[in-house]
């Protein structure tokens, strides 16, 4: 699903009573993958890695296994690369298992994400022991996880009213701005 959006705004991207959003990975931010004999090894995803990636069939699961909880082909999952990373939003109303995941996210039991993908180009910085993922061929899934590879990922639940409240705040601000303009105009007139 291709979503025309800027994720910096806090407006819900899907109309859902059980809406979640977060980042499955962040760009150009190394995270620890392994530790061997006291040496740490890292991985980083380039901000250009998803430019030509196949995002045509992506599913949402828990810990990369089990039931499909949302998918982009039925418009219950949005997956898009933005300036920060791989943004994910999902409608978790379509099954009991999806609703259970929403409740676990809402209660803070699950608050991180991961993703499964196929790399088509990479490099390795031996000095810093960092694998740099330069190009992704295909994204298979995004997952809410208990223990992520990158602790910088996140997923949060937002209620229906978060979106309603956001719209009402914007409308109130627009009214206040208009009143202020009118007041200024009245004070300036002789």
N, C-alpha and C. Protein backbone atom coordinates (compact mmCIF):
# COMPACT_ATOMS: atom_id res chain seq x y z
N UNK A 1 0.84 -1.17 0.00
CA UNK A 1 0.00 0.00 0.00
C UNK A 1 0.88 1.23 0.00
N UNK A 2 0.71 2.07 -0.94
CA UNK A 2 1.48 3.31 -1.01
C UNK A 2 0.67 4.40 -0.34
N UNK A 3 1.26 5.05 0.65
CA UNK A 3 0.55 6.07 1.40
C UNK A 3 1.17 7.43 1.17
N UNK A 4 0.40 8.40 0.66
CA UNK A 4 0.93 9.75 0.53
C UNK A 4 0.85 10.43 1.89
N UNK A 5 1.97 10.51 2.59
CA UNK A 5 1.87 11.04 3.94
C UNK A 5 3.20 11.58 4.41
N UNK A 6 3.11 12.38 5.45
CA UNK A 6 4.29 12.77 6.20
C UNK A 6 4.07 12.24 7.60
N UNK A 7 4.93 11.38 8.05
CA UNK A 7 4.72 10.73 9.33
C UNK A 7 5.05 11.63 10.50
N UNK A 8 5.60 12.81 10.24
CA UNK A 8 5.87 13.73 11.33
C UNK A 8 4.58 14.22 11.96
N UNK A 9 3.50 14.30 11.19
CA UNK A 9 2.23 14.70 11.77
C UNK A 9 1.68 13.53 12.58
N UNK A 10 0.83 13.82 13.53
CA UNK A 10 0.29 12.77 14.39
C UNK A 10 -1.13 12.40 13.98
N UNK A 11 -1.48 12.57 12.73
CA UNK A 11 -2.79 12.20 12.23
C UNK A 11 -2.77 10.73 11.87
N UNK A 12 -3.82 10.02 12.27
CA UNK A 12 -3.92 8.61 11.94
C UNK A 12 -3.98 8.44 10.42
N UNK A 13 -3.30 7.43 9.93
CA UNK A 13 -3.21 7.19 8.49
C UNK A 13 -4.28 6.24 7.99
N UNK A 14 -4.91 5.48 8.89
CA UNK A 14 -5.98 4.56 8.55
C UNK A 14 -7.15 4.81 9.49
N UNK A 15 -8.36 4.69 8.98
CA UNK A 15 -9.55 4.87 9.81
C UNK A 15 -9.81 3.56 10.55
N UNK A 16 -9.52 3.54 11.85
CA UNK A 16 -9.65 2.31 12.62
C UNK A 16 -9.83 2.62 14.09
N UNK A 17 -10.65 1.85 14.75
CA UNK A 17 -10.81 1.96 16.20
C UNK A 17 -9.64 1.32 16.93
N UNK A 18 -8.93 0.43 16.26
CA UNK A 18 -7.75 -0.24 16.84
C UNK A 18 -6.57 0.01 15.91
N UNK A 19 -6.04 1.21 16.00
CA UNK A 19 -4.98 1.68 15.11
C UNK A 19 -3.65 1.65 15.84
N UNK A 20 -2.62 1.14 15.16
CA UNK A 20 -1.25 1.17 15.69
C UNK A 20 -0.34 1.74 14.62
N UNK A 21 0.77 2.33 15.09
CA UNK A 21 1.76 2.83 14.15
C UNK A 21 3.12 2.80 14.81
N UNK A 22 4.15 2.79 13.98
CA UNK A 22 5.51 2.80 14.50
C UNK A 22 6.52 2.66 13.39
N UNK A 23 7.74 2.38 13.78
CA UNK A 23 8.84 2.22 12.83
C UNK A 23 9.45 0.83 12.99
N UNK A 24 9.52 0.09 11.87
CA UNK A 24 10.13 -1.23 11.87
C UNK A 24 11.65 -1.13 11.83
N UNK A 25 12.18 -0.06 11.27
CA UNK A 25 13.62 0.22 11.30
C UNK A 25 13.82 1.72 11.13
N UNK A 26 14.94 2.19 11.60
CA UNK A 26 15.32 3.59 11.40
C UNK A 26 16.55 3.62 10.49
N UNK A 27 16.63 4.63 9.65
CA UNK A 27 17.72 4.73 8.68
C UNK A 27 18.99 5.29 9.31
N UNK A 28 20.12 4.78 8.82
CA UNK A 28 21.45 5.29 9.15
C UNK A 28 21.71 5.38 10.65
N UNK A 29 21.16 4.43 11.39
CA UNK A 29 21.32 4.40 12.83
C UNK A 29 21.79 2.98 13.21
N UNK A 30 23.10 2.77 13.39
CA UNK A 30 23.61 1.43 13.68
C UNK A 30 23.02 0.85 14.97
N UNK A 31 22.73 -0.44 14.92
CA UNK A 31 22.24 -1.15 16.09
C UNK A 31 23.05 -2.44 16.25
N UNK A 32 23.21 -2.85 17.48
CA UNK A 32 24.01 -4.04 17.78
C UNK A 32 23.27 -5.29 17.34
N UNK A 33 23.98 -6.15 16.60
CA UNK A 33 23.40 -7.42 16.14
C UNK A 33 23.94 -8.62 16.92
N UNK A 34 25.24 -8.62 17.17
CA UNK A 34 25.89 -9.76 17.82
C UNK A 34 27.00 -9.29 18.73
N UNK A 35 27.35 -10.16 19.64
CA UNK A 35 28.58 -9.96 20.42
C UNK A 35 29.29 -11.30 20.46
N UNK A 36 30.56 -11.28 20.07
CA UNK A 36 31.35 -12.51 20.02
C UNK A 36 32.74 -12.22 20.57
N UNK A 37 33.16 -12.97 21.56
CA UNK A 37 34.46 -12.78 22.20
C UNK A 37 34.68 -11.33 22.65
N UNK A 38 33.61 -10.72 23.16
CA UNK A 38 33.72 -9.36 23.67
C UNK A 38 33.66 -8.27 22.61
N UNK A 39 33.56 -8.64 21.34
CA UNK A 39 33.45 -7.67 20.25
C UNK A 39 32.00 -7.56 19.80
N UNK A 40 31.55 -6.34 19.62
CA UNK A 40 30.19 -6.11 19.17
C UNK A 40 30.17 -5.87 17.67
N UNK A 41 29.17 -6.42 17.02
CA UNK A 41 28.97 -6.28 15.58
C UNK A 41 27.64 -5.59 15.34
N UNK A 42 27.65 -4.65 14.38
CA UNK A 42 26.49 -3.78 14.17
C UNK A 42 25.93 -3.91 12.76
N UNK A 43 24.72 -3.37 12.60
CA UNK A 43 24.07 -3.31 11.31
C UNK A 43 23.41 -1.94 11.19
N UNK A 44 23.36 -1.43 9.97
CA UNK A 44 22.74 -0.14 9.70
C UNK A 44 22.04 -0.22 8.35
N UNK A 45 20.91 0.47 8.23
CA UNK A 45 20.15 0.48 6.98
C UNK A 45 20.26 1.86 6.35
N UNK A 46 20.72 1.91 5.11
CA UNK A 46 20.86 3.17 4.39
C UNK A 46 19.49 3.81 4.15
N UNK A 47 19.46 5.12 4.13
CA UNK A 47 18.21 5.84 3.86
C UNK A 47 17.74 5.62 2.42
N UNK A 48 18.61 5.11 1.56
CA UNK A 48 18.24 4.83 0.17
C UNK A 48 17.92 3.35 -0.06
N UNK A 49 18.02 2.53 0.96
CA UNK A 49 17.88 1.08 0.81
C UNK A 49 16.53 0.64 0.28
N UNK A 50 15.48 1.38 0.57
CA UNK A 50 14.14 0.96 0.16
C UNK A 50 13.65 1.65 -1.11
N UNK A 51 14.51 2.41 -1.76
CA UNK A 51 14.09 3.18 -2.94
C UNK A 51 13.43 2.33 -4.02
N UNK A 52 13.94 1.17 -4.33
CA UNK A 52 13.35 0.32 -5.36
C UNK A 52 12.89 -1.03 -4.81
N UNK A 53 12.67 -1.10 -3.52
CA UNK A 53 12.29 -2.37 -2.88
C UNK A 53 10.86 -2.75 -3.26
N UNK A 54 10.63 -4.06 -3.33
CA UNK A 54 9.30 -4.60 -3.59
C UNK A 54 8.52 -4.60 -2.27
N UNK A 55 7.52 -3.74 -2.19
CA UNK A 55 6.64 -3.66 -1.02
C UNK A 55 5.22 -4.09 -1.39
N UNK A 56 5.09 -4.86 -2.47
CA UNK A 56 3.77 -5.18 -3.01
C UNK A 56 2.96 -6.12 -2.12
N UNK A 57 3.61 -7.04 -1.43
CA UNK A 57 2.91 -7.97 -0.54
C UNK A 57 3.66 -7.99 0.78
N UNK A 58 3.13 -7.27 1.77
CA UNK A 58 3.74 -7.20 3.09
C UNK A 58 2.66 -7.53 4.11
N UNK A 59 3.02 -8.31 5.12
CA UNK A 59 2.07 -8.67 6.16
C UNK A 59 2.59 -8.22 7.53
N UNK A 60 1.68 -8.10 8.48
CA UNK A 60 2.03 -7.80 9.87
C UNK A 60 1.78 -9.06 10.69
N UNK A 61 2.78 -9.44 11.49
CA UNK A 61 2.64 -10.59 12.39
C UNK A 61 3.27 -10.23 13.73
N UNK A 62 3.21 -11.16 14.67
CA UNK A 62 3.90 -11.00 15.94
C UNK A 62 5.12 -11.90 15.91
N UNK A 63 6.29 -11.36 16.18
CA UNK A 63 7.56 -12.08 16.21
C UNK A 63 7.85 -12.88 14.93
N UNK A 64 7.41 -12.38 13.79
CA UNK A 64 7.68 -12.97 12.48
C UNK A 64 7.09 -14.37 12.31
N UNK A 65 6.10 -14.71 13.10
CA UNK A 65 5.50 -16.04 12.96
C UNK A 65 4.03 -15.98 13.33
N UNK A 66 3.34 -17.06 13.08
CA UNK A 66 1.93 -17.14 13.45
C UNK A 66 1.01 -16.51 12.42
N UNK A 67 -0.16 -16.16 12.89
CA UNK A 67 -1.22 -15.64 12.03
C UNK A 67 -0.88 -14.28 11.43
N UNK A 68 -1.45 -14.04 10.27
CA UNK A 68 -1.36 -12.73 9.64
C UNK A 68 -2.39 -11.83 10.33
N UNK A 69 -1.93 -10.68 10.83
CA UNK A 69 -2.79 -9.79 11.60
C UNK A 69 -3.26 -8.58 10.79
N UNK A 70 -2.52 -8.25 9.74
CA UNK A 70 -2.89 -7.19 8.81
C UNK A 70 -2.05 -7.38 7.56
N UNK A 71 -2.53 -6.82 6.45
CA UNK A 71 -1.76 -6.93 5.21
C UNK A 71 -2.08 -5.74 4.30
N UNK A 72 -1.09 -5.38 3.51
CA UNK A 72 -1.30 -4.21 2.65
C UNK A 72 -2.30 -4.47 1.52
N UNK A 73 -2.46 -5.70 1.08
CA UNK A 73 -3.36 -5.97 -0.05
C UNK A 73 -4.84 -5.78 0.31
N UNK A 74 -5.20 -5.86 1.60
CA UNK A 74 -6.59 -5.59 1.97
C UNK A 74 -6.73 -4.24 2.69
N UNK A 75 -5.69 -3.43 2.61
CA UNK A 75 -5.68 -2.05 3.12
C UNK A 75 -5.80 -1.97 4.64
N UNK A 76 -5.35 -3.02 5.35
CA UNK A 76 -5.29 -2.95 6.81
C UNK A 76 -3.87 -2.69 7.28
N UNK A 77 -2.93 -2.55 6.35
CA UNK A 77 -1.54 -2.29 6.67
C UNK A 77 -0.97 -1.27 5.71
N UNK A 78 -0.29 -0.28 6.24
CA UNK A 78 0.44 0.69 5.44
C UNK A 78 1.92 0.59 5.78
N UNK A 79 2.75 0.53 4.76
CA UNK A 79 4.20 0.43 4.95
C UNK A 79 4.83 1.40 3.95
N UNK A 80 5.60 2.37 4.48
CA UNK A 80 6.20 3.37 3.60
C UNK A 80 7.53 3.85 4.18
N UNK A 81 8.50 4.02 3.32
CA UNK A 81 9.77 4.59 3.74
C UNK A 81 9.63 6.10 3.73
N UNK A 82 9.96 6.72 4.87
CA UNK A 82 9.97 8.18 4.92
C UNK A 82 11.37 8.64 5.27
N UNK A 83 11.56 9.86 5.67
CA UNK A 83 12.91 10.36 5.94
C UNK A 83 13.53 9.74 7.19
N UNK A 84 12.72 9.21 8.07
CA UNK A 84 13.21 8.64 9.34
C UNK A 84 13.50 7.14 9.25
N UNK A 85 12.64 6.41 8.53
CA UNK A 85 12.80 4.96 8.47
C UNK A 85 11.62 4.31 7.77
N UNK A 86 11.38 3.04 8.13
CA UNK A 86 10.26 2.30 7.54
C UNK A 86 9.06 2.45 8.48
N UNK A 87 8.13 3.34 8.08
CA UNK A 87 6.94 3.63 8.87
C UNK A 87 5.88 2.58 8.60
N UNK A 88 5.20 2.16 9.66
CA UNK A 88 4.17 1.14 9.58
C UNK A 88 2.93 1.64 10.31
N UNK A 89 1.76 1.43 9.71
CA UNK A 89 0.51 1.68 10.42
C UNK A 89 -0.43 0.52 10.10
N UNK A 90 -1.29 0.18 11.06
CA UNK A 90 -2.16 -0.97 10.86
C UNK A 90 -3.50 -0.81 11.55
N UNK A 91 -4.51 -1.39 10.93
CA UNK A 91 -5.86 -1.52 11.47
C UNK A 91 -5.94 -2.93 12.05
N UNK A 92 -6.09 -3.03 13.37
CA UNK A 92 -6.11 -4.35 14.02
C UNK A 92 -7.52 -4.73 14.46
N UNK A 93 -8.52 -4.50 13.59
CA UNK A 93 -9.91 -4.82 13.92
C UNK A 93 -10.43 -6.07 13.21
N UNK A 94 -9.64 -6.67 12.35
CA UNK A 94 -10.19 -7.69 11.46
C UNK A 94 -10.17 -9.12 11.98
N UNK A 95 -9.53 -9.36 13.14
CA UNK A 95 -9.55 -10.71 13.71
C UNK A 95 -9.35 -10.62 15.22
N UNK A 96 -9.72 -11.68 15.89
CA UNK A 96 -9.53 -11.73 17.35
C UNK A 96 -8.04 -11.62 17.69
N UNK A 97 -7.20 -12.31 16.93
CA UNK A 97 -5.75 -12.27 17.19
C UNK A 97 -5.21 -10.85 17.00
N UNK A 98 -5.69 -10.15 15.96
CA UNK A 98 -5.26 -8.77 15.74
C UNK A 98 -5.70 -7.88 16.90
N UNK A 99 -6.93 -8.07 17.37
CA UNK A 99 -7.42 -7.31 18.52
C UNK A 99 -6.62 -7.57 19.77
N UNK A 100 -6.20 -8.82 19.95
CA UNK A 100 -5.36 -9.16 21.11
C UNK A 100 -4.02 -8.43 21.03
N UNK A 101 -3.43 -8.38 19.83
CA UNK A 101 -2.17 -7.66 19.68
C UNK A 101 -2.37 -6.17 19.98
N UNK A 102 -3.46 -5.60 19.51
CA UNK A 102 -3.74 -4.19 19.80
C UNK A 102 -3.76 -3.96 21.31
N UNK A 103 -4.44 -4.82 22.03
CA UNK A 103 -4.54 -4.68 23.49
C UNK A 103 -3.16 -4.80 24.14
N UNK A 104 -2.32 -5.71 23.65
CA UNK A 104 -0.97 -5.87 24.20
C UNK A 104 -0.11 -4.63 23.93
N UNK A 105 -0.27 -4.04 22.75
CA UNK A 105 0.45 -2.81 22.41
C UNK A 105 -0.08 -1.66 23.26
N UNK A 106 -1.39 -1.54 23.36
CA UNK A 106 -2.02 -0.47 24.13
C UNK A 106 -1.59 -0.52 25.60
N UNK A 107 -1.42 -1.72 26.15
CA UNK A 107 -1.03 -1.89 27.55
C UNK A 107 0.48 -1.86 27.77
N UNK A 108 1.25 -1.62 26.70
CA UNK A 108 2.69 -1.49 26.84
C UNK A 108 3.44 -2.81 26.97
N UNK A 109 2.77 -3.93 26.74
CA UNK A 109 3.44 -5.23 26.80
C UNK A 109 4.33 -5.43 25.57
N UNK A 110 3.88 -4.93 24.44
CA UNK A 110 4.62 -4.99 23.18
C UNK A 110 4.82 -3.54 22.74
N UNK A 111 6.09 -3.13 22.52
CA UNK A 111 6.32 -1.74 22.11
C UNK A 111 7.46 -1.57 21.11
N UNK A 112 7.89 -2.66 20.50
CA UNK A 112 8.99 -2.60 19.52
C UNK A 112 8.59 -3.31 18.25
N UNK A 113 9.40 -3.08 17.19
CA UNK A 113 9.11 -3.70 15.90
C UNK A 113 10.37 -4.30 15.28
N UNK A 114 10.13 -5.08 14.24
CA UNK A 114 11.19 -5.68 13.44
C UNK A 114 10.63 -5.86 12.03
N UNK A 115 11.46 -6.35 11.14
CA UNK A 115 11.01 -6.61 9.78
C UNK A 115 11.82 -7.72 9.15
N UNK A 116 11.24 -8.39 8.17
CA UNK A 116 11.91 -9.45 7.42
C UNK A 116 12.06 -8.98 5.98
N UNK A 117 13.27 -9.15 5.42
CA UNK A 117 13.55 -8.59 4.11
C UNK A 117 14.67 -9.36 3.44
N UNK A 118 14.83 -9.13 2.13
CA UNK A 118 15.91 -9.72 1.35
C UNK A 118 16.84 -8.60 0.91
N UNK A 119 18.12 -8.74 1.22
CA UNK A 119 19.13 -7.74 0.87
C UNK A 119 19.63 -8.00 -0.56
N UNK A 120 19.76 -6.93 -1.35
CA UNK A 120 20.33 -7.09 -2.69
C UNK A 120 21.71 -6.43 -2.80
N UNK A 121 22.03 -5.53 -1.88
CA UNK A 121 23.35 -4.91 -1.89
C UNK A 121 23.72 -4.48 -0.47
N UNK A 122 24.99 -4.75 -0.11
CA UNK A 122 25.45 -4.42 1.23
C UNK A 122 26.95 -4.15 1.20
N UNK A 123 27.45 -3.58 2.29
CA UNK A 123 28.89 -3.38 2.45
C UNK A 123 29.22 -3.70 3.90
N UNK A 124 30.54 -3.83 4.17
CA UNK A 124 30.96 -4.13 5.53
C UNK A 124 32.15 -3.25 5.91
N UNK A 125 32.02 -2.54 7.01
CA UNK A 125 33.08 -1.70 7.54
C UNK A 125 33.79 -2.51 8.63
N UNK A 126 34.95 -3.06 8.28
CA UNK A 126 35.68 -3.95 9.19
C UNK A 126 36.14 -3.22 10.46
N UNK A 127 36.57 -1.99 10.30
CA UNK A 127 37.08 -1.22 11.44
C UNK A 127 36.00 -1.02 12.52
N UNK A 128 34.77 -0.72 12.08
CA UNK A 128 33.67 -0.50 13.02
C UNK A 128 32.77 -1.72 13.19
N UNK A 129 33.13 -2.81 12.49
CA UNK A 129 32.38 -4.06 12.53
C UNK A 129 30.88 -3.80 12.26
N UNK A 130 30.63 -3.07 11.16
CA UNK A 130 29.25 -2.67 10.84
C UNK A 130 28.88 -3.09 9.43
N UNK A 131 27.80 -3.87 9.32
CA UNK A 131 27.22 -4.22 8.04
C UNK A 131 26.26 -3.09 7.66
N UNK A 132 26.45 -2.54 6.45
CA UNK A 132 25.58 -1.47 5.96
C UNK A 132 24.71 -2.05 4.87
N UNK A 133 23.41 -2.04 5.08
CA UNK A 133 22.46 -2.52 4.08
C UNK A 133 22.19 -1.36 3.13
N UNK A 134 22.60 -1.53 1.88
CA UNK A 134 22.50 -0.47 0.89
C UNK A 134 21.23 -0.55 0.05
N UNK A 135 20.79 -1.77 -0.26
CA UNK A 135 19.59 -1.96 -1.08
C UNK A 135 18.82 -3.18 -0.59
N UNK A 136 17.52 -3.02 -0.50
CA UNK A 136 16.60 -4.11 -0.14
C UNK A 136 15.88 -4.52 -1.42
N UNK A 137 15.83 -5.82 -1.68
CA UNK A 137 15.10 -6.31 -2.84
C UNK A 137 13.61 -6.44 -2.53
N UNK A 138 13.28 -7.00 -1.35
CA UNK A 138 11.88 -7.30 -1.01
C UNK A 138 11.69 -7.21 0.49
N UNK A 139 10.56 -6.63 0.90
CA UNK A 139 10.14 -6.65 2.31
C UNK A 139 9.03 -7.68 2.41
N UNK A 140 9.19 -8.64 3.33
CA UNK A 140 8.22 -9.72 3.48
C UNK A 140 7.22 -9.45 4.59
N UNK A 141 7.73 -9.06 5.75
CA UNK A 141 6.82 -8.76 6.84
C UNK A 141 7.37 -7.69 7.76
N UNK A 142 6.47 -7.09 8.50
CA UNK A 142 6.81 -6.22 9.62
C UNK A 142 6.16 -6.88 10.83
N UNK A 143 6.85 -6.84 11.95
CA UNK A 143 6.34 -7.55 13.12
C UNK A 143 6.44 -6.71 14.38
N UNK A 144 5.40 -6.80 15.18
CA UNK A 144 5.49 -6.30 16.54
C UNK A 144 6.27 -7.38 17.29
N UNK A 145 7.25 -6.99 18.08
CA UNK A 145 8.11 -7.98 18.72
C UNK A 145 8.33 -7.67 20.20
N UNK A 146 8.63 -8.73 20.95
CA UNK A 146 8.98 -8.58 22.35
C UNK A 146 10.42 -8.12 22.52
N UNK A 147 11.32 -8.67 21.70
CA UNK A 147 12.74 -8.31 21.77
C UNK A 147 13.20 -7.97 20.35
N UNK A 148 13.48 -6.69 20.08
CA UNK A 148 13.86 -6.28 18.73
C UNK A 148 15.36 -6.36 18.48
N UNK A 149 15.75 -6.39 17.21
CA UNK A 149 17.17 -6.26 16.87
C UNK A 149 17.62 -4.83 17.20
N UNK A 150 16.78 -3.86 16.86
CA UNK A 150 17.09 -2.45 17.12
C UNK A 150 16.13 -1.91 18.19
N UNK A 151 16.67 -1.47 19.29
CA UNK A 151 15.82 -0.94 20.36
C UNK A 151 15.25 0.43 20.03
N UNK A 152 15.69 1.03 18.91
CA UNK A 152 15.16 2.33 18.51
C UNK A 152 13.82 2.24 17.80
N UNK A 153 13.37 1.04 17.45
CA UNK A 153 12.07 0.88 16.80
C UNK A 153 10.97 1.10 17.82
N UNK A 154 9.74 1.29 17.32
CA UNK A 154 8.62 1.45 18.24
C UNK A 154 7.32 1.09 17.56
N UNK A 155 6.31 0.81 18.38
CA UNK A 155 4.94 0.67 17.91
C UNK A 155 4.05 1.12 19.05
N UNK A 156 3.04 1.91 18.72
CA UNK A 156 2.13 2.42 19.73
C UNK A 156 0.70 2.29 19.24
N UNK A 157 -0.20 2.14 20.19
CA UNK A 157 -1.63 2.06 19.89
C UNK A 157 -2.24 3.44 20.04
N UNK A 158 -3.12 3.75 19.15
CA UNK A 158 -3.84 5.02 19.24
C UNK A 158 -5.32 4.74 19.10
N UNK A 159 -6.09 5.35 19.93
CA UNK A 159 -7.53 5.11 19.89
C UNK A 159 -8.19 5.96 18.81
N UNK A 160 -9.42 5.66 18.55
CA UNK A 160 -10.21 6.41 17.58
C UNK A 160 -10.23 7.89 17.96
N UNK A 161 -10.33 8.16 19.24
CA UNK A 161 -10.46 9.54 19.69
C UNK A 161 -9.19 10.35 19.53
N UNK A 162 -8.03 9.69 19.44
CA UNK A 162 -6.80 10.44 19.19
C UNK A 162 -6.93 11.22 17.89
N UNK A 163 -7.45 10.58 16.85
CA UNK A 163 -7.63 11.24 15.56
C UNK A 163 -8.68 12.33 15.63
N UNK A 164 -9.78 12.05 16.33
CA UNK A 164 -10.85 13.03 16.47
C UNK A 164 -10.35 14.25 17.24
N UNK A 165 -9.64 14.01 18.31
CA UNK A 165 -9.10 15.11 19.13
C UNK A 165 -8.14 15.95 18.32
N UNK A 166 -7.28 15.31 17.53
CA UNK A 166 -6.32 16.03 16.69
C UNK A 166 -7.04 16.94 15.71
N UNK A 167 -8.09 16.46 15.06
CA UNK A 167 -8.85 17.26 14.11
C UNK A 167 -9.51 18.43 14.84
N UNK A 168 -10.10 18.17 16.00
CA UNK A 168 -10.76 19.24 16.75
C UNK A 168 -9.76 20.30 17.21
N UNK A 169 -8.57 19.89 17.60
CA UNK A 169 -7.53 20.85 18.00
C UNK A 169 -7.16 21.76 16.83
N UNK A 170 -6.98 21.16 15.65
CA UNK A 170 -6.64 21.96 14.47
C UNK A 170 -7.76 22.94 14.12
N UNK A 171 -9.02 22.48 14.22
CA UNK A 171 -10.16 23.35 13.93
C UNK A 171 -10.24 24.50 14.93
N UNK A 172 -10.02 24.21 16.21
CA UNK A 172 -10.06 25.25 17.25
C UNK A 172 -8.94 26.26 17.03
N UNK A 173 -7.76 25.78 16.67
CA UNK A 173 -6.64 26.68 16.41
C UNK A 173 -6.94 27.58 15.21
N UNK A 174 -7.54 27.02 14.18
CA UNK A 174 -7.89 27.82 13.00
C UNK A 174 -8.91 28.89 13.37
N UNK A 175 -9.91 28.56 14.22
CA UNK A 175 -10.90 29.55 14.66
C UNK A 175 -10.24 30.65 15.48
N UNK A 176 -9.34 30.26 16.40
CA UNK A 176 -8.64 31.24 17.23
C UNK A 176 -7.79 32.17 16.37
N UNK A 177 -7.13 31.63 15.38
CA UNK A 177 -6.31 32.43 14.47
C UNK A 177 -7.17 33.42 13.71
N UNK A 178 -8.33 32.97 13.23
CA UNK A 178 -9.23 33.85 12.49
C UNK A 178 -9.75 34.97 13.39
N UNK A 179 -10.13 34.64 14.63
CA UNK A 179 -10.60 35.66 15.57
C UNK A 179 -9.50 36.67 15.88
N UNK A 180 -8.29 36.20 16.06
CA UNK A 180 -7.17 37.10 16.33
C UNK A 180 -6.94 38.05 15.16
N UNK A 181 -7.02 37.54 13.94
CA UNK A 181 -6.87 38.38 12.76
C UNK A 181 -7.96 39.46 12.71
N UNK A 182 -9.20 39.05 13.01
CA UNK A 182 -10.30 40.02 13.01
C UNK A 182 -10.08 41.09 14.06
N UNK A 183 -9.64 40.68 15.25
CA UNK A 183 -9.40 41.61 16.34
C UNK A 183 -8.30 42.61 15.96
N UNK A 184 -7.24 42.12 15.38
CA UNK A 184 -6.14 42.98 14.95
C UNK A 184 -6.62 43.97 13.90
N UNK A 185 -7.42 43.50 12.95
CA UNK A 185 -7.97 44.38 11.91
C UNK A 185 -8.85 45.46 12.50
N UNK A 186 -9.67 45.11 13.50
CA UNK A 186 -10.55 46.10 14.14
C UNK A 186 -9.76 47.14 14.92
N UNK A 187 -8.67 46.71 15.56
CA UNK A 187 -7.86 47.64 16.33
C UNK A 187 -7.06 48.58 15.44
N UNK A 188 -6.72 48.15 14.26
CA UNK A 188 -5.93 48.96 13.33
C UNK A 188 -6.79 50.00 12.65
N UNK A 189 -8.08 49.70 12.41
CA UNK A 189 -8.98 50.63 11.72
C UNK A 189 -9.25 51.84 12.62
N UNK A 190 -9.31 53.08 12.01
CA UNK A 190 -9.59 54.28 12.78
C UNK A 190 -11.03 54.38 13.22
